C-alpha atoms as a PDB file:
ATOM      1  CA  MET A   1     -11.635  39.571 -17.930  1.00  0.00           C
ATOM      2  CA  ALA A   2      -9.968  36.740 -18.249  1.00  0.00           C
ATOM      3  CA  SER A   3     -12.134  35.932 -20.469  1.00  0.00           C
ATOM      4  CA  ILE A   4     -12.003  38.267 -23.234  1.00  0.00           C
ATOM      5  CA  SER A   5      -7.797  38.945 -22.737  1.00  0.00           C
ATOM      6  CA  ALA A   6      -7.675  34.396 -24.411  1.00  0.00           C
ATOM      7  CA  PHE A   7     -10.356  35.983 -26.709  1.00  0.00           C
ATOM      8  CA  LYS A   8      -7.905  39.052 -28.026  1.00  0.00           C
ATOM      9  CA  GLY A   9      -4.748  36.425 -27.467  1.00  0.00           C
ATOM     10  CA  GLY A  10      -6.857  33.491 -29.475  1.00  0.00           C
ATOM     11  CA  PHE A  11      -7.782  36.783 -32.690  1.00  0.00           C
ATOM     12  CA  ALA A  12      -4.141  37.284 -32.013  1.00  0.00           C
ATOM     13  CA  LYS A  13      -2.100  34.096 -33.125  1.00  0.00           C
ATOM     14  CA  LEU A  14      -5.194  33.862 -36.196  1.00  0.00           C
ATOM     15  CA  VAL A  15      -4.255  37.105 -37.747  1.00  0.00           C
ATOM     16  CA  LEU A  16      -0.419  36.422 -37.735  1.00  0.00           C
ATOM     17  CA  VAL A  17      -1.656  32.395 -39.111  1.00  0.00           C
ATOM     18  CA  HIS A  18      -3.811  33.676 -41.768  1.00  0.00           C
ATOM     19  CA  HIS A  19      -0.714  36.524 -42.449  1.00  0.00           C
ATOM     20  CA  LEU A  20       2.232  34.097 -42.818  1.00  0.00           C
ATOM     21  CA  LEU A  21      -0.156  31.559 -44.732  1.00  0.00           C
ATOM     22  CA  LEU A  22      -1.941  34.140 -47.385  1.00  0.00           C
ATOM     23  CA  PRO A  23       1.539  34.301 -49.623  1.00  0.00           C
ATOM     24  CA  TRP A  24       1.500  30.519 -50.129  1.00  0.00           C
ATOM     25  CA  VAL A  25      -1.895  30.306 -51.017  1.00  0.00           C
ATOM     26  CA  LEU A  26      -2.047  32.763 -54.236  1.00  0.00           C
ATOM     27  CA  VAL A  27       1.122  30.968 -54.871  1.00  0.00           C
ATOM     28  CA  LEU A  28      -1.226  27.755 -54.919  1.00  0.00           C
ATOM     29  CA  ALA A  29      -3.777  29.711 -56.912  1.00  0.00           C
ATOM     30  CA  GLU A  30      -1.257  30.835 -59.420  1.00  0.00           C
ATOM     31  CA  GLY A  31       0.014  27.346 -60.242  1.00  0.00           C
ATOM     32  CA  ARG A  32      -3.953  27.118 -60.821  1.00  0.00           C
ATOM     33  CA  ASP A  33      -3.980  29.094 -64.018  1.00  0.00           C
ATOM     34  CA  SER A  34      -0.696  28.934 -66.280  1.00  0.00           C
ATOM     35  CA  HIS A  35      -1.691  32.502 -68.060  1.00  0.00           C
ATOM     36  CA  ARG A  36      -2.488  34.471 -64.482  1.00  0.00           C
ATOM     37  CA  HIS A  37      -0.048  37.322 -64.188  1.00  0.00           C
ATOM     38  CA  SER A  38       2.133  37.601 -60.876  1.00  0.00           C
ATOM     39  CA  THR A  39       4.089  40.298 -58.598  1.00  0.00           C
ATOM     40  CA  THR A  40       6.765  38.227 -57.446  1.00  0.00           C
ATOM     41  CA  ILE A  41       9.700  39.633 -59.076  1.00  0.00           C
ATOM     42  CA  ALA A  42      12.329  36.915 -59.548  1.00  0.00           C
ATOM     43  CA  ASP A  43      16.138  36.474 -61.317  1.00  0.00           C
ATOM     44  CA  PRO A  44      15.060  34.413 -64.568  1.00  0.00           C
ATOM     45  CA  THR A  45      18.934  33.687 -65.047  1.00  0.00           C
ATOM     46  CA  LYS A  46      19.569  32.313 -61.486  1.00  0.00           C
ATOM     47  CA  GLY A  47      21.392  29.012 -61.888  1.00  0.00           C
ATOM     48  CA  PHE A  48      22.074  29.688 -66.245  1.00  0.00           C
ATOM     49  CA  VAL A  49      25.001  29.951 -67.757  1.00  0.00           C
ATOM     50  CA  ALA A  50      25.822  33.163 -70.269  1.00  0.00           C
ATOM     51  CA  LEU A  51      26.545  32.033 -73.268  1.00  0.00           C
ATOM     52  CA  PRO A  52      29.560  33.941 -75.745  1.00  0.00           C
ATOM     53  CA  LEU A  53      27.215  35.954 -77.907  1.00  0.00           C
ATOM     54  CA  THR A  54      28.244  39.111 -80.372  1.00  0.00           C
ATOM     55  CA  VAL A  55      26.970  40.018 -83.853  1.00  0.00           C
ATOM     56  CA  SER A  56      28.629  37.418 -85.701  1.00  0.00           C
ATOM     57  CA  HIS A  57      26.016  35.487 -84.133  1.00  0.00           C
ATOM     58  CA  MET A  58      22.683  37.153 -85.541  1.00  0.00           C
ATOM     59  CA  GLU A  59      21.564  36.765 -89.729  1.00  0.00           C
ATOM     60  CA  VAL A  60      18.964  39.705 -90.432  1.00  0.00           C
ATOM     61  CA  GLN A  61      16.071  38.145 -92.427  1.00  0.00           C
ATOM     62  CA  TRP A  62      14.588  41.145 -94.556  1.00  0.00           C
ATOM     63  CA  PRO A  63      11.904  41.647 -97.517  1.00  0.00           C
ATOM     64  CA  TYR A  64      14.568  39.515-100.592  1.00  0.00           C
ATOM     65  CA  ASP A  65      13.567  42.342-102.983  1.00  0.00           C
ATOM     66  CA  LEU A  66      15.063  45.490-100.625  1.00  0.00           C
ATOM     67  CA  ARG A  67      18.011  46.757 -99.043  1.00  0.00           C
ATOM     68  CA  GLU A  68      18.766  45.096 -95.404  1.00  0.00           C
ATOM     69  CA  GLU A  69      20.140  48.413 -94.629  1.00  0.00           C
ATOM     70  CA  GLU A  70      16.653  49.784 -95.965  1.00  0.00           C
ATOM     71  CA  ARG A  71      14.377  47.668 -92.848  1.00  0.00           C
ATOM     72  CA  TYR A  72      17.174  47.059 -90.784  1.00  0.00           C
ATOM     73  CA  SER A  73      20.112  48.745 -88.406  1.00  0.00           C
ATOM     74  CA  TYR A  74      22.822  48.298 -85.757  1.00  0.00           C
ATOM     75  CA  ARG A  75      24.006  51.381 -83.867  1.00  0.00           C
ATOM     76  CA  ASN A  76      24.653  52.228 -80.703  1.00  0.00           C
ATOM     77  CA  GLY A  77      24.540  48.733 -79.537  1.00  0.00           C
ATOM     78  CA  VAL A  78      20.477  49.125 -80.715  1.00  0.00           C
ATOM     79  CA  HIS A  79      18.637  47.111 -83.768  1.00  0.00           C
ATOM     80  CA  THR A  80      15.861  48.326 -84.400  1.00  0.00           C
ATOM     81  CA  LEU A  81      14.148  45.994 -87.523  1.00  0.00           C
ATOM     82  CA  GLU A  82      11.626  47.325 -89.505  1.00  0.00           C
ATOM     83  CA  VAL A  83       8.351  45.842 -91.564  1.00  0.00           C
ATOM     84  CA  TYR A  84       5.217  46.941 -93.768  1.00  0.00           C
ATOM     85  CA  SER A  85       2.380  45.236 -94.395  1.00  0.00           C
ATOM     86  CA  THR A  86       3.282  45.113 -98.326  1.00  0.00           C
ATOM     87  CA  ASP A  87       6.659  44.161 -97.942  1.00  0.00           C
ATOM     88  CA  LYS A  88       7.578  40.655 -99.394  1.00  0.00           C
ATOM     89  CA  PRO A  89       8.698  37.449 -98.104  1.00  0.00           C
ATOM     90  CA  HIS A  90      12.226  37.156 -96.968  1.00  0.00           C
ATOM     91  CA  THR A  91      12.871  35.077 -99.757  1.00  0.00           C
ATOM     92  CA  ARG A  92      11.426  35.160-103.564  1.00  0.00           C
ATOM     93  CA  ASP A  93      10.323  31.246-103.171  1.00  0.00           C
ATOM     94  CA  SER A  94       8.865  31.699 -99.674  1.00  0.00           C
ATOM     95  CA  HIS A  95       5.493  32.208 -98.966  1.00  0.00           C
ATOM     96  CA  THR A  96       4.495  33.495 -94.988  1.00  0.00           C
ATOM     97  CA  LYS A  97       4.284  36.816 -94.074  1.00  0.00           C
ATOM     98  CA  PRO A  98       6.972  39.483 -94.915  1.00  0.00           C
ATOM     99  CA  ARG A  99       9.535  39.940 -92.440  1.00  0.00           C
ATOM    100  CA  THR A 100      12.857  41.633 -90.474  1.00  0.00           C
ATOM    101  CA  GLU A 101      13.967  39.478 -88.286  1.00  0.00           C
ATOM    102  CA  VAL A 102      17.203  38.605 -86.264  1.00  0.00           C
ATOM    103  CA  ARG A 103      17.888  34.700 -86.064  1.00  0.00           C
ATOM    104  CA  ILE A 104      20.780  34.206 -83.812  1.00  0.00           C
ATOM    105  CA  THR A 105      22.907  31.189 -85.090  1.00  0.00           C
ATOM    106  CA  GLY A 106      25.352  28.762 -83.393  1.00  0.00           C
ATOM    107  CA  TYR A 107      22.545  28.183 -80.932  1.00  0.00           C
ATOM    108  CA  ASP A 108      20.372  25.209 -82.568  1.00  0.00           C
ATOM    109  CA  TYR A 109      18.881  22.786 -79.337  1.00  0.00           C
ATOM    110  CA  SER A 110      17.526  19.921 -79.028  1.00  0.00           C
ATOM    111  CA  SER A 111      17.352  19.345 -74.916  1.00  0.00           C
ATOM    112  CA  GLY A 112      17.828  21.099 -72.184  1.00  0.00           C
ATOM    113  CA  VAL A 113      17.026  24.342 -71.252  1.00  0.00           C
ATOM    114  CA  TRP A 114      17.797  27.106 -73.000  1.00  0.00           C
ATOM    115  CA  GLN A 115      17.648  31.169 -71.941  1.00  0.00           C
ATOM    116  CA  PHE A 116      16.247  34.061 -74.098  1.00  0.00           C
ATOM    117  CA  GLU A 117      17.159  37.902 -72.719  1.00  0.00           C
ATOM    118  CA  GLY A 118      16.761  41.841 -74.625  1.00  0.00           C
ATOM    119  CA  GLN A 119      15.801  44.393 -73.635  1.00  0.00           C
ATOM    120  CA  GLY A 120      12.448  45.027 -76.071  1.00  0.00           C
ATOM    121  CA  TYR A 121      10.591  49.086 -77.030  1.00  0.00           C
ATOM    122  CA  VAL A 122       7.793  49.323 -79.215  1.00  0.00           C
ATOM    123  CA  PRO A 123       6.635  52.035 -81.114  1.00  0.00           C
ATOM    124  CA  ARG A 124       2.441  52.165 -80.433  1.00  0.00           C
ATOM    125  CA  GLY A 125       1.538  51.489 -84.060  1.00  0.00           C
ATOM    126  CA  THR A 126       2.663  48.882 -84.649  1.00  0.00           C
ATOM    127  CA  SER A 127       0.157  45.804 -83.807  1.00  0.00           C
ATOM    128  CA  GLY A 128      -0.671  42.052 -85.458  1.00  0.00           C
ATOM    129  CA  VAL A 129       3.268  41.187 -85.380  1.00  0.00           C
ATOM    130  CA  CYS A 130       5.617  39.236 -83.646  1.00  0.00           C
ATOM    131  CA  VAL A 131       8.416  40.233 -82.546  1.00  0.00           C
ATOM    132  CA  MET A 132      10.523  37.312 -80.314  1.00  0.00           C
ATOM    133  CA  GLN A 133      10.104  34.054 -81.790  1.00  0.00           C
ATOM    134  CA  VAL A 134      11.652  30.721 -80.356  1.00  0.00           C
ATOM    135  CA  PHE A 135      11.440  28.730 -83.948  1.00  0.00           C
ATOM    136  CA  GLY A 136      10.718  25.473 -83.563  1.00  0.00           C
ATOM    137  CA  ALA A 137       7.609  23.209 -82.816  1.00  0.00           C
ATOM    138  CA  GLY A 138       6.140  19.003 -84.152  1.00  0.00           C
ATOM    139  CA  THR A 139       2.939  19.897 -82.821  1.00  0.00           C
ATOM    140  CA  GLY A 140      -0.593  21.632 -83.503  1.00  0.00           C
ATOM    141  CA  GLY A 141       0.037  23.158 -86.916  1.00  0.00           C
ATOM    142  CA  HIS A 142       2.897  25.440 -85.090  1.00  0.00           C
ATOM    143  CA  ALA A 143       6.286  26.218 -86.862  1.00  0.00           C
ATOM    144  CA  SER A 144       7.256  28.087 -82.804  1.00  0.00           C
ATOM    145  CA  THR A 145       7.821  26.945 -79.923  1.00  0.00           C
ATOM    146  CA  VAL A 146       6.765  30.427 -78.547  1.00  0.00           C
ATOM    147  CA  ALA A 147       5.550  33.337 -80.120  1.00  0.00           C
ATOM    148  CA  ILE A 148       5.704  36.979 -78.322  1.00  0.00           C
ATOM    149  CA  ARG A 149       3.601  39.880 -80.081  1.00  0.00           C
ATOM    150  CA  VAL A 150       2.063  42.360 -79.357  1.00  0.00           C
ATOM    151  CA  TYR A 151      -1.962  43.398 -80.316  1.00  0.00           C
ATOM    152  CA  ASP A 152      -2.657  47.091 -80.057  1.00  0.00           C
ATOM    153  CA  GLY A 153       0.002  47.873 -76.943  1.00  0.00           C
ATOM    154  CA  ALA A 154      -0.832  43.998 -75.334  1.00  0.00           C
ATOM    155  CA  LEU A 155       2.362  42.303 -75.708  1.00  0.00           C
ATOM    156  CA  ALA A 156       0.714  38.096 -76.194  1.00  0.00           C
ATOM    157  CA  ALA A 157       1.897  34.814 -76.856  1.00  0.00           C
ATOM    158  CA  TYR A 158      -0.127  34.470 -78.753  1.00  0.00           C
ATOM    159  CA  ARG A 159      -3.586  35.516 -79.161  1.00  0.00           C
ATOM    160  CA  SER A 160      -3.406  35.276 -74.697  1.00  0.00           C
ATOM    161  CA  THR A 161      -2.109  39.529 -73.518  1.00  0.00           C
ATOM    162  CA  ILE A 162       0.710  38.975 -70.673  1.00  0.00           C
ATOM    163  CA  VAL A 163       1.113  42.831 -70.051  1.00  0.00           C
ATOM    164  CA  PRO A 164      -2.072  45.267 -70.836  1.00  0.00           C
ATOM    165  CA  ASP A 165      -0.210  47.955 -72.596  1.00  0.00           C
ATOM    166  CA  ILE A 166       4.064  47.514 -73.911  1.00  0.00           C
ATOM    167  CA  TYR A 167       3.593  50.999 -76.101  1.00  0.00           C
ATOM    168  CA  ASP A 168       6.979  53.228 -76.173  1.00  0.00           C
ATOM    169  CA  ARG A 169       8.827  52.386 -73.051  1.00  0.00           C
ATOM    170  CA  TRP A 170      12.516  49.670 -73.001  1.00  0.00           C
ATOM    171  CA  PHE A 171      11.029  46.564 -71.785  1.00  0.00           C
ATOM    172  CA  ARG A 172      13.469  43.528 -70.331  1.00  0.00           C
ATOM    173  CA  LEU A 173      12.373  40.248 -72.280  1.00  0.00           C
ATOM    174  CA  ASN A 174      13.236  36.395 -70.908  1.00  0.00           C
ATOM    175  CA  VAL A 175      12.105  33.222 -72.422  1.00  0.00           C
ATOM    176  CA  ILE A 176      12.807  30.375 -71.122  1.00  0.00           C
ATOM    177  CA  HIS A 177      12.628  26.610 -72.818  1.00  0.00           C
ATOM    178  CA  ASP A 178      12.957  23.868 -71.211  1.00  0.00           C
ATOM    179  CA  VAL A 179      12.470  21.122 -73.824  1.00  0.00           C
ATOM    180  CA  GLU A 180      12.069  18.276 -71.025  1.00  0.00           C
ATOM    181  CA  ALA A 181       9.482  19.309 -69.663  1.00  0.00           C
ATOM    182  CA  ARG A 182       8.167  20.631 -72.427  1.00  0.00           C
ATOM    183  CA  GLU A 183       7.563  24.120 -71.169  1.00  0.00           C
ATOM    184  CA  VAL A 184       7.711  27.526 -71.261  1.00  0.00           C
ATOM    185  CA  VAL A 185       8.285  30.116 -68.725  1.00  0.00           C
ATOM    186  CA  VAL A 186       8.231  34.254 -70.155  1.00  0.00           C
ATOM    187  CA  TYR A 187       9.202  37.419 -67.764  1.00  0.00           C
ATOM    188  CA  VAL A 188       8.945  40.805 -68.598  1.00  0.00           C
ATOM    189  CA  ASP A 189      10.819  43.790 -66.298  1.00  0.00           C
ATOM    190  CA  ARG A 190      11.680  39.825 -63.898  1.00  0.00           C
ATOM    191  CA  VAL A 191       8.029  39.365 -63.210  1.00  0.00           C
ATOM    192  CA  LEU A 192       6.444  35.838 -64.020  1.00  0.00           C
ATOM    193  CA  VAL A 193       3.622  36.835 -66.843  1.00  0.00           C
ATOM    194  CA  TYR A 194       3.658  33.085 -68.513  1.00  0.00           C
ATOM    195  CA  GLN A 195       4.055  29.270 -68.412  1.00  0.00           C
ATOM    196  CA  GLY A 196       2.661  26.647 -70.691  1.00  0.00           C
ATOM    197  CA  GLY A 197       3.204  24.265 -72.459  1.00  0.00           C
ATOM    198  CA  ASP A 198       5.658  23.727 -76.199  1.00  0.00           C
ATOM    199  CA  HIS A 199       4.496  22.559 -79.403  1.00  0.00           C
ATOM    200  CA  GLY A 200       7.368  19.275 -79.318  1.00  0.00           C
ATOM    201  CA  GLY A 201       9.990  19.525 -82.192  1.00  0.00           C
ATOM    202  CA  SER A 202      13.403  18.493 -83.241  1.00  0.00           C
ATOM    203  CA  SER A 203      15.091  21.446 -83.601  1.00  0.00           C
ATOM    204  CA  HIS A 204      15.398  24.638 -81.486  1.00  0.00           C
ATOM    205  CA  TYR A 205      16.460  28.980 -82.796  1.00  0.00           C
ATOM    206  CA  PHE A 206      15.737  32.316 -80.977  1.00  0.00           C
ATOM    207  CA  LYS A 207      14.839  35.249 -83.505  1.00  0.00           C
ATOM    208  CA  PHE A 208      13.153  38.921 -83.027  1.00  0.00           C
ATOM    209  CA  GLY A 209      12.087  41.576 -84.568  1.00  0.00           C
ATOM    210  CA  VAL A 210       8.958  42.307 -86.776  1.00  0.00           C
ATOM    211  CA  TYR A 211       7.339  39.450 -87.970  1.00  0.00           C
ATOM    212  CA  ALA A 212       3.277  40.203 -89.453  1.00  0.00           C
ATOM    213  CA  GLN A 213       0.583  38.051 -88.869  1.00  0.00           C
ATOM    214  CA  ASP A 214      -3.127  38.695 -89.198  1.00  0.00           C
ATOM    215  CA  GLY A 215      -4.487  42.075 -88.976  1.00  0.00           C
ATOM    216  CA  ALA A 216      -1.678  43.659 -89.028  1.00  0.00           C
ATOM    217  CA  SER A 217      -0.488  47.259 -88.922  1.00  0.00           C
ATOM    218  CA  ASP A 218       0.660  49.057 -91.924  1.00  0.00           C
ATOM    219  CA  TYR A 219       4.220  50.058 -90.420  1.00  0.00           C
ATOM    220  CA  MET A 220       5.565  48.062 -88.235  1.00  0.00           C
ATOM    221  CA  GLU A 221       8.568  47.909 -85.502  1.00  0.00           C
ATOM    222  CA  SER A 222      10.730  47.475 -82.757  1.00  0.00           C
ATOM    223  CA  ARG A 223      13.704  48.119 -81.978  1.00  0.00           C
ATOM    224  CA  TRP A 224      16.408  45.781 -79.664  1.00  0.00           C
ATOM    225  CA  LYS A 225      19.243  46.137 -76.773  1.00  0.00           C
ATOM    226  CA  GLY A 226      21.108  43.844 -74.547  1.00  0.00           C
ATOM    227  CA  ILE A 227      21.220  40.354 -76.585  1.00  0.00           C
ATOM    228  CA  LYS A 228      21.715  36.942 -74.511  1.00  0.00           C
ATOM    229  CA  ILE A 229      21.529  33.792 -74.466  1.00  0.00           C
ATOM    230  CA  PHE A 230      22.023  31.474 -72.053  1.00  0.00           C
ATOM    231  CA  ASN A 231      21.493  27.773 -71.320  1.00  0.00           C
ATOM    232  CA  LYS A 232      21.675  25.766 -68.050  1.00  0.00           C
ATOM    233  CA  LYS A 233      24.261  22.780 -67.456  1.00  0.00           C
END
């Protein structure tokens, strides 16, 4: 009987150690795959300083042959941005695809750690579109450091799905760019969903809205509220 009791005691200790170590094993496993989803709830803004931000920092870009109010509105704290796949670019001499975006001004950066936060909403049917980007890159033929897109209801970092179903609900997006580390981290609803390298570049800024990509739907729309900009001293 004594040997059985000893076995039970040893087994209990083994189970306890297993439960104590399992979270750390999971964390290490997450670190091996920068695109794998995490279930950790965090405050991405901890250690950051919020910067003053008003509509004066928001420059709207929309198809050049239309009036701004035909593709953009700001009512009751909500930015609504729309574009059609047949629309013109935002300037007459641009050869890019159609867009209606807000470009954050006054906070262009070339060093440090910066963060965008906003609550976004993408209605069902909007697809093949960039809804948020960190503009500026220096390698790989990219114009952006990271582009947050929507394809058939999935939220993606470029083409890599980070949230499988994003339609018809408000979600909180936090995008952090560490220039010196050349790293981008993305949280959705305070859950870490993406971590990867940037594309270099000497100047960056944040944008949100709708910017058509390959395979764009006929009509694209996103709504945004609670936009904030942070940096880390």
